[in-house]
Amino acid sequence: MGEEGRVVQGESLLSRFHSVDELPGALSAAQMRELDRITIEEMGVPGPVLMERAAFGVTEFLLRRYAGRHTLVVCGRGNNGGDGLASARQLHLAGHPVVCAVAAEQAEQLSPDARTNLEAARRLGVNILMGATAESVPGYLLGETEVVVDCLLGTGASGEMREPLAGLARMINTLGARGIPVVAVDIPSGVDAGTGTIASTTVAATHTITFHSAKTGLVVPPGREAAGEILVWEIGLPRHLEPECDVCVVATGQVRVPGRRSDDHKYRAGYVAVLAGSAEYPGAALLTAGAAVRAGAGYVRLLAVAAVVAALPSVSVEITSTSLGESPHLRDVERTMAAVSDPRISALAFGPGLGRELDTAEVVRHAVMASKPPAVLDADGILAFAGRAGDLAARPGLVLTPHVGELATLMGASVSEVGRAPLAAAREAAAVTNQVVLLKGSASVIAQPGGRTWAVVNGPPQLASAGTGDVLTGVICAMLAKGLAPVEAACTGAWVHAEAGRLAAKKHRAGAWAGAVLDMIPAAYAGRVYDRRPSWTK
């Protein structure tokens, strides 16, 4: 992908909230600690100044979005709690109804900057409840609460929460379950800012006000699921000293879909071949091929057993086909190799709906490793290499698109292990296979060999429906066929797919089925298609 987008105009940088689409570079906890240290120790900006600026962002958000609503600010003992205490003071001075519950018996238990803000808040008459636990917060106060602010733990925390913080986090989630907005400060308590892993009592936020930039844990699952709406607030850290992002969000402005050249014909515009489907699962193959058509491939051929090919005319007249035998599942090596060896093929898709029979897996492995064009490996195509992930390193130009279970099987790991730390799992898989790995989830994580990583965060939960992954495979394959490099095809295709899902979800709030997503692909990249120069000018 190209350079990460930045908002650079002073007019807006300091005076408004930014989405991760505008500031797409997410930093790890360690990177943020170092940037804080440089700002304070080398640039000479006092820590309390940064805390006051952070608190002002929280205050500004609450006064804009939830003016006049009774607000409960729940603070831990560290600087995240100090942000909450400073914001409670600012809200009180603005006449906003606020109570601050602090998980410490004595001021001496707080960090120095948090202690300073506690004393200032006390002197100004802020209503403060010290020694707060889930049991000690009065029921009448919880009954009056209309907004709750989570300032228990910040970006330095990891692992399970201990009492009383765990109990207070459960209390916040109980309020959230009643429909009360939950505003997390910098990161929801319980989310590991560096990895996205979560504690069992993690706060589920409606909004997260994060400082300077998004944190890695906010944009990768499962932390992404706890973050809600992510808003970035500038606190005065020097951007010219900022390191390269740990995870880069694929932003709208970066998405460009190759269009037609003036001298294109159907094959040069992108010839996609889809090796997919079985008698048991014909729909997966049809969805993948249909997505490639809608994503702009010039020519799409379905390579499948006869039962799948027979279903094609009732679904699409644009897609051509080659029958690979009468068996209910793929088993004919010679026919398969002849089909994938067509020199006109620009990109291949392997896997959706093929099934897990041993002879099918053997055919798939042979076809993947012997074919030459760039390819997407999905579903049963990935499972064909279970326990053989390292073999894929010898075959250049692949994009792997597993979900958590498929990646676990490929890598010989447990599903719980991969689900707990998807970012680390995707990076490890990219290193072992030497391929681009797109791990599907609430946010898609795209890892490149060498560790560089992107996240696609615009997909809605309505995409959790059978067949939507097959649609993604077809879109990415079309991007490969148009000449995009594997990582560009993965990022562009995943963003287009997520945007198609978002558009479909507007009409189908309960859940967008795969066909609805398929139909929205052209609308998803409208305005993002660019015309290319004639082929001889490469």
Protein backbone atom coordinates (compact mmCIF):
# COMPACT_ATOMS: atom_id res chain seq x y z
CA MET A 1 0.00 0.00 0.00
CA GLY A 2 1.04 3.63 -0.36
CA GLU A 3 2.06 6.15 2.26
CA GLU A 4 -0.17 6.20 5.33
CA GLY A 5 -2.55 9.15 5.32
CA ARG A 6 -1.99 11.94 7.79
CA VAL A 7 -4.03 14.95 8.82
CA VAL A 8 -1.47 17.74 8.82
CA GLN A 9 -3.41 21.00 8.80
CA GLY A 10 -3.05 22.76 12.16
CA GLU A 11 -6.56 24.10 11.73
CA SER A 12 -8.08 20.71 12.41
CA LEU A 13 -5.32 18.68 14.03
CA LEU A 14 -5.64 20.23 17.47
CA SER A 15 -9.26 21.24 17.53
CA ARG A 16 -11.34 18.22 16.56
CA PHE A 17 -11.57 14.47 16.84
CA HIS A 18 -10.21 12.29 14.07
CA SER A 19 -11.26 8.86 12.89
CA VAL A 20 -8.77 6.07 12.25
CA ASP A 21 -9.58 6.62 8.59
CA GLU A 22 -7.95 10.06 8.89
CA LEU A 23 -5.11 8.99 11.21
CA PRO A 24 -4.63 5.35 10.20
CA GLY A 25 -1.31 4.58 11.85
CA ALA A 26 -1.77 2.54 15.04
CA LEU A 27 1.11 2.43 17.54
CA SER A 28 1.94 -0.25 20.06
CA ALA A 29 2.05 0.35 23.80
CA ALA A 30 5.86 0.31 23.72
CA GLN A 31 5.98 2.85 20.88
CA MET A 32 3.61 5.17 22.76
CA ARG A 33 5.65 4.91 25.97
CA GLU A 34 8.78 5.91 24.09
CA LEU A 35 7.05 8.82 22.36
CA ASP A 36 5.72 10.00 25.73
CA ARG A 37 9.21 9.74 27.22
CA ILE A 38 10.81 11.73 24.40
CA THR A 39 8.13 14.43 24.66
CA ILE A 40 8.54 14.81 28.42
CA GLU A 41 12.27 14.22 28.94
CA GLU A 42 13.81 15.51 25.70
CA MET A 43 11.27 18.01 24.39
CA GLY A 44 10.53 19.42 27.83
CA VAL A 45 6.73 19.16 27.80
CA PRO A 46 5.63 18.41 31.40
CA GLY A 47 3.56 15.27 31.96
CA PRO A 48 0.73 17.18 33.68
CA VAL A 49 0.37 19.35 30.55
CA LEU A 50 -0.17 16.25 28.42
CA MET A 51 -2.64 14.89 30.99
CA GLU A 52 -4.62 18.12 30.98
CA ARG A 53 -4.79 18.09 27.21
CA ALA A 54 -5.91 14.44 27.24
CA ALA A 55 -8.59 15.22 29.80
CA PHE A 56 -9.81 18.12 27.72
CA GLY A 57 -10.47 15.72 24.83
CA VAL A 58 -12.64 13.54 27.08
CA THR A 59 -14.42 16.60 28.44
CA GLU A 60 -14.97 18.04 24.97
CA PHE A 61 -16.47 14.78 23.76
CA LEU A 62 -18.86 14.48 26.71
CA LEU A 63 -20.00 18.10 26.43
CA ARG A 64 -20.61 17.73 22.70
CA ARG A 65 -22.19 14.28 22.65
CA TYR A 66 -23.77 13.89 26.09
CA ALA A 67 -24.31 17.42 27.40
CA GLY A 68 -26.18 17.56 30.71
CA ARG A 69 -26.24 13.79 31.27
CA HIS A 70 -25.29 12.51 34.72
CA THR A 71 -21.79 11.16 34.29
CA LEU A 72 -19.93 8.60 36.42
CA VAL A 73 -16.15 8.63 35.92
CA VAL A 74 -14.52 5.44 37.24
CA CYS A 75 -10.79 5.87 37.90
CA GLY A 76 -7.91 3.52 38.61
CA ARG A 77 -4.67 4.45 40.38
CA GLY A 78 -2.45 5.27 37.40
CA ASN A 79 -2.28 8.05 34.86
CA ASN A 80 -5.40 6.79 33.10
CA GLY A 81 -7.20 7.50 36.35
CA GLY A 82 -5.49 10.90 36.40
CA ASP A 83 -7.02 11.66 32.98
CA GLY A 84 -10.42 10.86 34.47
CA LEU A 85 -9.90 13.01 37.55
CA ALA A 86 -8.78 15.96 35.40
CA SER A 87 -11.79 15.53 33.12
CA ALA A 88 -14.15 15.31 36.11
CA ARG A 89 -12.76 18.64 37.33
CA GLN A 90 -13.22 20.23 33.92
CA LEU A 91 -16.78 18.89 33.63
CA HIS A 92 -17.62 20.17 37.11
CA LEU A 93 -16.36 23.64 36.23
CA ALA A 94 -18.50 23.54 33.07
CA GLY A 95 -21.60 22.80 35.17
CA HIS A 96 -21.90 19.24 33.92
CA PRO A 97 -23.26 16.77 36.51
CA VAL A 98 -20.39 14.42 37.38
CA VAL A 99 -19.28 11.99 40.10
CA CYS A 100 -15.81 10.47 40.23
CA ALA A 101 -15.30 7.01 41.76
CA VAL A 102 -11.63 6.26 42.54
CA ALA A 103 -10.31 2.74 43.18
CA ALA A 104 -7.92 3.87 45.92
CA GLU A 105 -8.40 4.47 49.63
CA GLN A 106 -5.71 7.15 49.92
CA ALA A 107 -4.28 9.79 47.60
CA GLU A 108 -0.82 8.31 48.22
CA GLN A 109 -1.85 5.19 46.31
CA LEU A 110 -2.21 7.18 43.07
CA SER A 111 0.47 8.03 40.52
CA PRO A 112 2.00 11.49 41.09
CA ASP A 113 0.09 13.21 38.27
CA ALA A 114 -3.16 11.49 39.23
CA ARG A 115 -2.64 12.59 42.86
CA THR A 116 -2.17 16.18 41.73
CA ASN A 117 -5.46 16.06 39.86
CA LEU A 118 -7.25 14.43 42.79
CA GLU A 119 -6.23 17.28 45.10
CA ALA A 120 -7.27 19.91 42.54
CA ALA A 121 -10.63 18.22 42.03
CA ARG A 122 -11.22 18.06 45.78
CA ARG A 123 -10.46 21.75 46.26
CA LEU A 124 -12.88 22.67 43.49
CA GLY A 125 -15.70 20.65 45.01
CA VAL A 126 -15.93 17.69 42.63
CA ASN A 127 -18.04 14.88 44.09
CA ILE A 128 -15.44 12.12 44.67
CA LEU A 129 -15.98 8.64 46.05
CA MET A 130 -12.69 7.18 47.33
CA GLY A 131 -12.04 3.47 47.90
CA ALA A 132 -14.55 2.59 45.19
CA THR A 133 -15.46 -1.05 44.65
CA ALA A 134 -18.35 -2.59 42.77
CA GLU A 135 -20.04 -3.16 46.14
CA SER A 136 -19.39 0.29 47.61
CA VAL A 137 -20.74 2.44 44.77
CA PRO A 138 -24.25 3.40 45.96
CA GLY A 139 -27.16 1.93 44.05
CA TYR A 140 -28.87 5.32 43.77
CA LEU A 141 -25.75 6.66 42.03
CA LEU A 142 -25.79 3.83 39.51
CA GLY A 143 -29.50 4.44 38.98
CA GLU A 144 -28.84 8.12 38.17
CA THR A 145 -25.90 7.43 35.83
CA GLU A 146 -26.57 8.30 32.19
CA VAL A 147 -22.97 8.07 30.90
CA VAL A 148 -20.08 6.08 32.40
CA VAL A 149 -16.40 6.84 31.71
CA ASP A 150 -13.84 4.03 31.97
CA CYS A 151 -10.49 5.28 33.31
CA LEU A 152 -9.46 2.14 35.20
CA LEU A 153 -6.45 1.01 33.17
CA GLY A 154 -4.44 2.55 30.34
CA THR A 155 -2.12 1.36 27.63
CA GLY A 156 0.50 -0.03 30.02
CA ALA A 157 -1.76 -2.75 31.39
CA SER A 158 -1.96 -6.37 30.25
CA GLY A 159 -3.35 -9.67 31.48
CA GLU A 160 -6.28 -10.29 33.80
CA MET A 161 -7.57 -7.50 36.02
CA ARG A 162 -7.41 -7.87 39.78
CA GLU A 163 -9.91 -6.65 42.31
CA PRO A 164 -11.25 -4.08 42.85
CA LEU A 165 -10.69 -3.17 39.19
CA ALA A 166 -12.24 -6.38 37.84
CA GLY A 167 -15.40 -5.76 39.86
CA LEU A 168 -15.58 -2.15 38.73
CA ALA A 169 -15.16 -3.27 35.10
CA ARG A 170 -18.06 -5.68 35.56
CA MET A 171 -20.09 -2.82 37.04
CA ILE A 172 -19.35 -0.66 33.98
CA ASN A 173 -20.41 -3.50 31.67
CA THR A 174 -23.64 -3.92 33.66
CA LEU A 175 -24.40 -0.26 33.07
CA GLY A 176 -23.55 -0.67 29.39
CA ALA A 177 -25.92 -3.63 29.14
CA ARG A 178 -28.70 -1.29 30.28
CA GLY A 179 -28.05 0.92 27.24
CA ILE A 180 -25.93 3.49 29.06
CA PRO A 181 -23.10 4.81 26.84
CA VAL A 182 -19.63 3.68 27.94
CA VAL A 183 -16.73 6.01 27.08
CA ALA A 184 -13.28 4.43 27.38
CA VAL A 185 -10.30 6.73 27.88
CA ASP A 186 -7.32 5.86 25.64
CA ILE A 187 -8.21 2.14 25.60
CA PRO A 188 -10.97 0.02 27.16
CA SER A 189 -9.73 -1.46 30.43
CA GLY A 190 -8.67 -5.06 29.89
CA VAL A 191 -7.49 -4.61 26.29
CA ASP A 192 -3.76 -5.12 25.76
CA ALA A 193 -2.73 -2.08 23.72
CA GLY A 194 0.16 -3.92 22.08
CA THR A 195 -1.52 -7.15 21.04
CA GLY A 196 -5.31 -6.72 21.13
CA THR A 197 -5.73 -9.60 23.58
CA ILE A 198 -8.42 -9.08 26.21
CA ALA A 199 -9.05 -9.95 29.85
CA SER A 200 -12.16 -11.87 30.87
CA THR A 201 -13.63 -8.71 32.46
CA THR A 202 -12.70 -6.31 29.63
CA VAL A 203 -14.86 -3.19 29.39
CA ALA A 204 -17.02 -3.10 26.25
CA ALA A 205 -17.02 0.55 25.19
CA THR A 206 -19.50 2.48 23.08
CA HIS A 207 -16.77 5.01 22.25
CA THR A 208 -13.02 5.08 22.84
CA ILE A 209 -11.27 8.46 23.04
CA THR A 210 -7.64 7.60 22.33
CA PHE A 211 -4.70 9.99 22.36
CA HIS A 212 -2.34 10.98 19.52
CA SER A 213 -3.02 7.82 17.50
CA ALA A 214 -4.98 4.61 17.62
CA LYS A 215 -3.30 1.80 19.54
CA THR A 216 -2.65 -1.59 17.98
CA GLY A 217 -5.05 -3.24 20.41
CA LEU A 218 -7.90 -1.02 19.24
CA VAL A 219 -7.73 -2.01 15.58
CA VAL A 220 -7.06 -5.76 15.74
CA PRO A 221 -9.38 -8.39 17.22
CA PRO A 222 -10.47 -9.13 19.82
CA GLY A 223 -9.62 -5.68 21.21
CA ARG A 224 -11.37 -4.09 18.24
CA GLU A 225 -14.62 -5.65 19.45
CA ALA A 226 -14.31 -3.81 22.78
CA ALA A 227 -13.44 -0.39 21.34
CA GLY A 228 -16.71 0.73 19.74
CA GLU A 229 -16.33 4.03 17.89
CA ILE A 230 -12.67 5.07 17.90
CA LEU A 231 -11.91 8.79 18.05
CA VAL A 232 -8.35 10.14 18.10
CA TRP A 233 -7.58 13.29 20.09
CA GLU A 234 -4.29 15.19 19.72
CA ILE A 235 -2.47 15.92 23.01
CA GLY A 236 0.69 17.57 21.69
CA LEU A 237 3.15 14.75 21.02
CA PRO A 238 5.58 15.53 18.17
CA ARG A 239 4.49 13.74 15.00
CA HIS A 240 7.87 14.22 13.35
CA LEU A 241 9.35 11.87 15.98
CA GLU A 242 6.66 9.24 15.54
CA PRO A 243 7.91 5.74 14.57
CA GLU A 244 6.55 3.70 11.69
CA CYS A 245 3.12 2.40 12.62
CA ASP A 246 2.88 -1.01 14.24
CA VAL A 247 -0.36 -1.74 12.38
CA CYS A 248 -1.65 0.49 9.58
CA VAL A 249 -5.40 0.80 9.08
CA VAL A 250 -6.41 0.57 5.41
CA ALA A 251 -7.93 4.02 4.93
CA THR A 252 -10.53 5.07 2.38
CA GLY A 253 -8.13 7.44 0.67
CA GLN A 254 -5.63 4.64 0.04
CA VAL A 255 -8.08 2.38 -1.79
CA ARG A 256 -7.70 2.55 -5.57
CA VAL A 257 -9.09 -0.10 -7.88
CA PRO A 258 -7.40 -0.60 -11.27
CA GLY A 259 -9.72 0.04 -14.19
CA ARG A 260 -9.41 -0.76 -17.87
CA ARG A 261 -6.61 0.18 -20.24
CA SER A 262 -7.49 1.60 -23.63
CA ASP A 263 -6.08 -1.49 -25.36
CA ASP A 264 -7.53 -4.10 -22.99
CA HIS A 265 -9.39 -7.17 -24.17
CA LYS A 266 -11.18 -9.61 -21.87
CA TYR A 267 -8.11 -11.67 -21.03
CA ARG A 268 -5.77 -8.74 -20.51
CA ALA A 269 -8.39 -7.08 -18.28
CA GLY A 270 -7.91 -10.00 -15.91
CA TYR A 271 -8.55 -13.70 -16.44
CA VAL A 272 -9.60 -15.33 -13.17
CA ALA A 273 -9.80 -19.12 -12.80
CA VAL A 274 -11.63 -20.47 -9.74
CA LEU A 275 -10.88 -24.01 -8.59
CA ALA A 276 -13.65 -24.58 -6.06
CA GLY A 277 -16.83 -26.36 -5.11
CA SER A 278 -18.11 -29.90 -4.72
CA ALA A 279 -21.45 -31.67 -5.00
CA GLU A 280 -22.00 -30.93 -1.32
CA TYR A 281 -20.90 -27.27 -1.49
CA PRO A 282 -21.60 -25.82 -4.96
CA GLY A 283 -22.58 -22.39 -3.65
CA ALA A 284 -19.09 -21.48 -2.42
CA ALA A 285 -17.66 -21.81 -5.92
CA LEU A 286 -20.49 -19.83 -7.50
CA LEU A 287 -20.10 -17.00 -4.97
CA THR A 288 -16.34 -16.77 -5.53
CA ALA A 289 -16.67 -16.68 -9.31
CA GLY A 290 -19.56 -14.19 -9.11
CA ALA A 291 -17.54 -11.88 -6.87
CA ALA A 292 -14.64 -11.89 -9.35
CA VAL A 293 -17.05 -10.84 -12.12
CA ARG A 294 -18.50 -8.00 -10.05
CA ALA A 295 -15.04 -6.87 -8.96
CA GLY A 296 -14.13 -6.21 -12.58
CA ALA A 297 -12.29 -9.28 -13.86
CA GLY A 298 -12.47 -9.39 -17.65
CA TYR A 299 -12.96 -13.15 -17.87
CA VAL A 300 -13.90 -15.68 -15.20
CA ARG A 301 -13.74 -19.46 -15.58
CA LEU A 302 -15.03 -21.90 -12.98
CA LEU A 303 -13.01 -25.11 -12.72
CA ALA A 304 -15.16 -27.63 -10.86
CA VAL A 305 -16.72 -31.07 -10.80
CA ALA A 306 -19.77 -31.63 -13.01
CA ALA A 307 -22.32 -31.14 -10.20
CA VAL A 308 -21.08 -27.58 -9.66
CA VAL A 309 -20.80 -26.77 -13.35
CA ALA A 310 -24.40 -27.94 -13.86
CA ALA A 311 -25.62 -25.33 -11.35
CA LEU A 312 -23.80 -22.45 -13.04
CA PRO A 313 -26.27 -21.48 -15.85
CA SER A 314 -29.06 -20.79 -13.38
CA VAL A 315 -26.81 -18.37 -11.48
CA SER A 316 -24.70 -16.61 -14.09
CA VAL A 317 -24.36 -16.46 -17.85
CA GLU A 318 -21.12 -14.43 -17.71
CA ILE A 319 -19.01 -17.14 -16.08
CA THR A 320 -17.52 -19.88 -18.27
CA SER A 321 -16.67 -23.32 -16.94
CA THR A 322 -14.59 -26.45 -17.28
CA SER A 323 -15.82 -29.74 -15.86
CA LEU A 324 -13.23 -31.69 -13.88
CA GLY A 325 -15.08 -35.01 -13.76
CA GLU A 326 -18.24 -36.69 -12.54
CA SER A 327 -17.01 -37.42 -9.03
CA PRO A 328 -18.83 -35.50 -6.27
CA HIS A 329 -15.51 -33.99 -5.23
CA LEU A 330 -12.27 -33.06 -6.99
CA ARG A 331 -9.96 -36.02 -7.66
CA ASP A 332 -8.75 -35.85 -11.28
CA VAL A 333 -5.16 -34.57 -11.20
CA GLU A 334 -4.60 -34.55 -14.96
CA ARG A 335 -7.74 -32.57 -15.82
CA THR A 336 -7.06 -30.15 -12.99
CA MET A 337 -3.48 -29.50 -14.04
CA ALA A 338 -4.50 -28.97 -17.66
CA ALA A 339 -7.13 -26.43 -16.53
CA VAL A 340 -4.87 -24.39 -14.22
CA SER A 341 -2.03 -24.41 -16.78
CA ASP A 342 -3.84 -22.18 -19.28
CA PRO A 343 -1.19 -19.52 -20.02
CA ARG A 344 -3.86 -16.79 -20.32
CA ILE A 345 -4.84 -17.07 -16.65
CA SER A 346 -3.96 -13.91 -14.70
CA ALA A 347 -4.89 -15.16 -11.20
CA LEU A 348 -6.24 -18.28 -9.52
CA ALA A 349 -8.53 -18.90 -6.57
CA PHE A 350 -8.22 -22.23 -4.75
CA GLY A 351 -10.42 -23.71 -2.10
CA PRO A 352 -13.97 -22.58 -1.35
CA GLY A 353 -16.29 -25.56 -0.98
CA LEU A 354 -13.84 -28.19 -2.25
CA GLY A 355 -14.32 -30.41 0.78
CA ARG A 356 -11.71 -32.17 2.90
CA GLU A 357 -11.35 -35.55 1.28
CA LEU A 358 -7.76 -36.79 1.22
CA ASP A 359 -7.62 -37.22 -2.55
CA THR A 360 -9.01 -33.70 -3.07
CA ALA A 361 -6.34 -32.26 -0.78
CA GLU A 362 -3.66 -34.07 -2.77
CA VAL A 363 -4.95 -32.62 -6.06
CA VAL A 364 -5.11 -29.13 -4.53
CA ARG A 365 -1.56 -29.29 -3.20
CA HIS A 366 -0.26 -30.35 -6.60
CA ALA A 367 -2.24 -27.65 -8.42
CA VAL A 368 -1.19 -24.87 -6.06
CA MET A 369 2.50 -25.72 -6.07
CA ALA A 370 2.77 -26.40 -9.84
CA SER A 371 0.75 -23.41 -11.09
CA LYS A 372 2.39 -20.08 -11.86
CA PRO A 373 -0.09 -17.15 -11.65
CA PRO A 374 -0.65 -15.30 -8.36
CA ALA A 375 -3.39 -16.95 -6.36
CA VAL A 376 -5.74 -16.75 -3.39
CA LEU A 377 -5.77 -19.78 -1.11
CA ASP A 378 -8.92 -20.05 0.99
CA ALA A 379 -10.94 -22.49 3.10
CA ASP A 380 -10.32 -26.11 2.01
CA GLY A 381 -7.41 -24.92 -0.11
CA ILE A 382 -5.69 -23.82 3.10
CA LEU A 383 -6.66 -26.99 4.96
CA ALA A 384 -5.01 -29.06 2.22
CA PHE A 385 -1.70 -27.78 3.64
CA ALA A 386 -2.51 -28.55 7.28
CA GLY A 387 0.75 -29.50 8.97
CA ARG A 388 2.65 -28.45 5.82
CA ALA A 389 2.54 -24.67 6.12
CA GLY A 390 6.24 -24.36 5.39
CA ASP A 391 5.77 -25.99 1.98
CA LEU A 392 3.95 -22.85 0.80
CA ALA A 393 7.13 -20.79 1.10
CA ALA A 394 8.36 -22.32 -2.16
CA ARG A 395 5.39 -21.02 -4.17
CA PRO A 396 5.53 -17.24 -4.77
CA GLY A 397 2.57 -14.92 -5.12
CA LEU A 398 -0.05 -16.29 -2.72
CA VAL A 399 -2.63 -14.59 -0.51
CA LEU A 400 -3.96 -16.84 2.26
CA THR A 401 -7.40 -15.90 3.62
CA PRO A 402 -8.13 -18.12 6.64
CA HIS A 403 -10.52 -17.62 9.51
CA VAL A 404 -9.29 -18.44 13.01
CA GLY A 405 -10.10 -22.17 12.82
CA GLU A 406 -8.44 -22.62 9.44
CA LEU A 407 -5.30 -20.80 10.53
CA ALA A 408 -5.12 -22.90 13.69
CA THR A 409 -5.35 -26.10 11.63
CA LEU A 410 -2.77 -24.89 9.12
CA MET A 411 -0.28 -23.96 11.84
CA GLY A 412 -0.96 -26.87 14.19
CA ALA A 413 -2.19 -24.54 16.93
CA SER A 414 -5.35 -24.53 19.02
CA VAL A 415 -8.31 -22.41 17.98
CA SER A 416 -8.29 -20.72 21.40
CA GLU A 417 -4.63 -19.81 21.01
CA VAL A 418 -5.17 -18.16 17.62
CA GLY A 419 -8.42 -16.52 18.73
CA ARG A 420 -6.76 -15.06 21.81
CA ALA A 421 -3.91 -13.45 19.85
CA PRO A 422 -4.85 -13.16 16.15
CA LEU A 423 -2.25 -10.50 15.38
CA ALA A 424 0.64 -12.66 16.55
CA ALA A 425 -0.83 -15.70 14.79
CA ALA A 426 -1.17 -13.90 11.45
CA ARG A 427 2.38 -12.58 11.67
CA GLU A 428 3.75 -16.02 12.50
CA ALA A 429 1.85 -17.61 9.61
CA ALA A 430 3.17 -14.97 7.19
CA ALA A 431 6.71 -15.69 8.36
CA VAL A 432 6.38 -19.49 8.10
CA THR A 433 4.64 -19.52 4.70
CA ASN A 434 6.50 -16.49 3.29
CA GLN A 435 3.11 -15.32 1.98
CA VAL A 436 0.61 -12.55 2.64
CA VAL A 437 -1.85 -13.79 5.26
CA LEU A 438 -5.27 -12.19 5.67
CA LEU A 439 -6.85 -13.43 8.90
CA LYS A 440 -10.59 -12.82 8.79
CA GLY A 441 -12.45 -11.61 11.85
CA SER A 442 -14.26 -8.62 13.36
CA ALA A 443 -11.37 -6.69 11.83
CA SER A 444 -9.27 -8.35 9.14
CA VAL A 445 -5.55 -8.55 9.90
CA ILE A 446 -3.24 -8.61 6.87
CA ALA A 447 0.34 -9.64 7.61
CA GLN A 448 3.22 -9.54 5.17
CA PRO A 449 6.42 -11.60 5.50
CA GLY A 450 8.76 -9.44 7.54
CA GLY A 451 6.02 -8.38 9.94
CA ARG A 452 4.45 -5.35 8.30
CA THR A 453 0.74 -5.44 9.09
CA TRP A 454 -2.51 -3.77 8.09
CA ALA A 455 -6.02 -3.89 9.53
CA VAL A 456 -9.36 -3.42 7.78
CA VAL A 457 -11.83 -2.06 10.33
CA ASN A 458 -14.79 -0.88 8.23
CA GLY A 459 -16.56 -4.25 8.06
CA PRO A 460 -19.82 -4.53 10.03
CA PRO A 461 -20.85 -7.49 12.23
CA GLN A 462 -23.55 -8.28 9.65
CA LEU A 463 -20.76 -9.85 7.55
CA ALA A 464 -20.79 -12.82 9.94
CA SER A 465 -22.77 -14.95 7.51
CA ALA A 466 -22.08 -18.10 5.49
CA GLY A 467 -20.51 -17.41 2.11
CA THR A 468 -19.21 -13.89 2.72
CA GLY A 469 -15.65 -15.24 2.92
CA ASP A 470 -16.10 -16.83 -0.51
CA VAL A 471 -17.07 -13.41 -1.84
CA LEU A 472 -13.87 -11.96 -0.35
CA THR A 473 -11.81 -14.61 -2.14
CA GLY A 474 -13.30 -13.63 -5.48
CA VAL A 475 -12.71 -9.92 -4.94
CA ILE A 476 -9.05 -10.39 -3.97
CA CYS A 477 -8.51 -12.73 -6.93
CA ALA A 478 -9.90 -10.09 -9.29
CA MET A 479 -7.45 -7.55 -7.82
CA LEU A 480 -4.56 -9.96 -8.40
CA ALA A 481 -5.76 -10.48 -11.98
CA LYS A 482 -5.72 -6.72 -12.51
CA GLY A 483 -2.01 -6.70 -11.64
CA LEU A 484 -1.95 -5.65 -7.99
CA ALA A 485 0.80 -7.16 -5.84
CA PRO A 486 -0.42 -9.70 -3.25
CA VAL A 487 -0.40 -7.32 -0.29
CA GLU A 488 -2.10 -4.57 -2.31
CA ALA A 489 -4.70 -7.01 -3.59
CA ALA A 490 -5.37 -8.24 -0.05
CA CYS A 491 -5.73 -4.73 1.42
CA THR A 492 -7.80 -3.36 -1.46
CA GLY A 493 -9.97 -6.46 -1.75
CA ALA A 494 -10.61 -6.66 1.98
CA TRP A 495 -11.58 -2.99 2.15
CA VAL A 496 -13.93 -3.29 -0.85
CA HIS A 497 -15.50 -6.42 0.63
CA ALA A 498 -15.96 -4.73 4.03
CA GLU A 499 -17.46 -1.65 2.41
CA ALA A 500 -19.85 -3.82 0.38
CA GLY A 501 -20.84 -5.45 3.65
CA ARG A 502 -21.40 -2.06 5.26
CA LEU A 503 -23.65 -0.96 2.42
CA ALA A 504 -25.56 -4.24 2.53
CA ALA A 505 -25.95 -3.93 6.31
CA LYS A 506 -27.79 -0.63 5.87
CA LYS A 507 -30.59 -2.58 4.20
CA HIS A 508 -30.26 -5.77 6.23
CA ARG A 509 -29.57 -4.91 9.86
CA ALA A 510 -30.18 -8.43 11.15
CA GLY A 511 -27.46 -9.82 8.89
CA ALA A 512 -26.28 -9.42 5.32
CA TRP A 513 -26.26 -12.69 3.39
CA ALA A 514 -23.49 -13.35 0.90
CA GLY A 515 -25.64 -12.55 -2.14
CA ALA A 516 -26.47 -9.12 -0.74
CA VAL A 517 -22.77 -8.38 -0.24
CA LEU A 518 -22.05 -9.62 -3.76
CA ASP A 519 -24.51 -7.15 -5.25
CA MET A 520 -22.90 -4.21 -3.41
CA ILE A 521 -19.35 -4.73 -4.70
CA PRO A 522 -19.64 -2.25 -7.62
CA ALA A 523 -21.10 0.40 -5.32
CA ALA A 524 -18.33 -0.19 -2.76
CA TYR A 525 -15.56 0.91 -5.11
CA ALA A 526 -17.52 3.57 -7.00
CA GLY A 527 -15.34 6.64 -7.33
CA ARG A 528 -12.18 4.69 -6.51
CA VAL A 529 -11.50 3.19 -9.94
CA TYR A 530 -8.64 4.66 -11.93
CA ASP A 531 -7.96 4.21 -15.65
CA ARG A 532 -4.60 2.77 -16.60
CA ARG A 533 -2.31 3.66 -19.45
CA PRO A 534 -2.02 1.31 -22.46
CA SER A 535 -0.26 -1.99 -21.82
CA TRP A 536 2.81 -1.12 -23.87
CA THR A 537 3.68 1.81 -21.57
CA LYS A 538 4.51 -0.39 -18.55
